[in-house]
Amino acid sequence: MPSRLHPEDQKRVDQYLASPVHQVERRPFRVWILIALVVGSVVGLGLLSRLLAQLVAV
């Protein structure tokens, strides 16, 4: 997709994005940790709801 900016403006944008401030090292994304957190949250909230239901029913 061609840029809608003028070439001079695009050059300034490229220089800005290439500056060291915007070059942050990041750890690789680990999908299994995200899945474990989601499953753990769902199971934990399910157990909490069952516990609260038991307390209310008594």
C-alpha atoms as a PDB file:
ATOM      1  CA  MET A   1       0.000   0.000   0.000  1.00  0.00           C
ATOM      2  CA  PRO A   2       1.563   3.278  -1.012  1.00  0.00           C
ATOM      3  CA  SER A   3       1.985   5.973   1.584  1.00  0.00           C
ATOM      4  CA  ARG A   4      -0.324   8.978   1.522  1.00  0.00           C
ATOM      5  CA  LEU A   5       2.402  11.176   2.952  1.00  0.00           C
ATOM      6  CA  HIS A   6       4.737  13.351   0.972  1.00  0.00           C
ATOM      7  CA  PRO A   7       8.169  11.773   0.555  1.00  0.00           C
ATOM      8  CA  GLU A   8       9.784  14.280   2.947  1.00  0.00           C
ATOM      9  CA  ASP A   9       7.172  13.593   5.631  1.00  0.00           C
ATOM     10  CA  GLN A  10       7.491   9.831   5.156  1.00  0.00           C
ATOM     11  CA  LYS A  11      11.257  10.145   5.542  1.00  0.00           C
ATOM     12  CA  ARG A  12      10.790  12.007   8.854  1.00  0.00           C
ATOM     13  CA  VAL A  13       8.351   9.362  10.079  1.00  0.00           C
ATOM     14  CA  ASP A  14      10.771   6.571   9.166  1.00  0.00           C
ATOM     15  CA  GLN A  15      13.621   8.333  10.981  1.00  0.00           C
ATOM     16  CA  TYR A  16      11.440   8.836  14.066  1.00  0.00           C
ATOM     17  CA  LEU A  17      10.390   5.183  14.174  1.00  0.00           C
ATOM     18  CA  ALA A  18      13.966   4.010  13.645  1.00  0.00           C
ATOM     19  CA  SER A  19      15.243   5.971  16.652  1.00  0.00           C
ATOM     20  CA  PRO A  20      16.520   3.895  19.610  1.00  0.00           C
ATOM     21  CA  VAL A  21      13.601   4.953  21.798  1.00  0.00           C
ATOM     22  CA  HIS A  22      11.240   2.908  19.622  1.00  0.00           C
ATOM     23  CA  GLN A  23      13.488  -0.155  19.335  1.00  0.00           C
ATOM     24  CA  VAL A  24      12.406  -2.024  22.478  1.00  0.00           C
ATOM     25  CA  GLU A  25      13.545  -5.609  22.921  1.00  0.00           C
ATOM     26  CA  ARG A  26      10.611  -7.812  23.786  1.00  0.00           C
ATOM     27  CA  ARG A  27      10.375 -11.369  24.919  1.00  0.00           C
ATOM     28  CA  PRO A  28       8.718 -13.743  22.477  1.00  0.00           C
ATOM     29  CA  PHE A  29       4.971 -14.110  22.888  1.00  0.00           C
ATOM     30  CA  ARG A  30       4.065 -17.321  24.700  1.00  0.00           C
ATOM     31  CA  VAL A  31       0.568 -18.408  23.782  1.00  0.00           C
ATOM     32  CA  TRP A  32       0.538 -21.299  26.295  1.00  0.00           C
ATOM     33  CA  ILE A  33       0.916 -18.945  29.244  1.00  0.00           C
ATOM     34  CA  LEU A  34      -2.051 -16.921  27.996  1.00  0.00           C
ATOM     35  CA  ILE A  35      -4.153 -20.065  27.541  1.00  0.00           C
ATOM     36  CA  ALA A  36      -3.189 -21.274  31.034  1.00  0.00           C
ATOM     37  CA  LEU A  37      -4.184 -17.924  32.543  1.00  0.00           C
ATOM     38  CA  VAL A  38      -7.539 -17.918  30.775  1.00  0.00           C
ATOM     39  CA  VAL A  39      -8.318 -21.527  31.710  1.00  0.00           C
ATOM     40  CA  GLY A  40      -7.157 -20.949  35.282  1.00  0.00           C
ATOM     41  CA  SER A  41      -9.347 -17.866  35.593  1.00  0.00           C
ATOM     42  CA  VAL A  42     -12.410 -19.664  34.238  1.00  0.00           C
ATOM     43  CA  VAL A  43     -11.888 -22.660  36.513  1.00  0.00           C
ATOM     44  CA  GLY A  44     -11.198 -20.448  39.534  1.00  0.00           C
ATOM     45  CA  LEU A  45     -14.298 -18.332  38.972  1.00  0.00           C
ATOM     46  CA  GLY A  46     -16.363 -21.473  38.402  1.00  0.00           C
ATOM     47  CA  LEU A  47     -15.186 -22.939  41.699  1.00  0.00           C
ATOM     48  CA  LEU A  48     -15.850 -19.651  43.457  1.00  0.00           C
ATOM     49  CA  SER A  49     -19.382 -19.522  42.081  1.00  0.00           C
ATOM     50  CA  ARG A  50     -20.034 -23.112  43.243  1.00  0.00           C
ATOM     51  CA  LEU A  51     -18.724 -22.235  46.698  1.00  0.00           C
ATOM     52  CA  LEU A  52     -20.946 -19.178  46.911  1.00  0.00           C
ATOM     53  CA  ALA A  53     -23.937 -21.228  45.718  1.00  0.00           C
ATOM     54  CA  GLN A  54     -23.245 -23.785  48.466  1.00  0.00           C
ATOM     55  CA  LEU A  55     -23.052 -21.040  51.094  1.00  0.00           C
ATOM     56  CA  VAL A  56     -26.303 -19.445  49.957  1.00  0.00           C
ATOM     57  CA  ALA A  57     -28.161 -22.776  49.700  1.00  0.00           C
ATOM     58  CA  VAL A  58     -27.285 -23.751  53.271  1.00  0.00           C
END
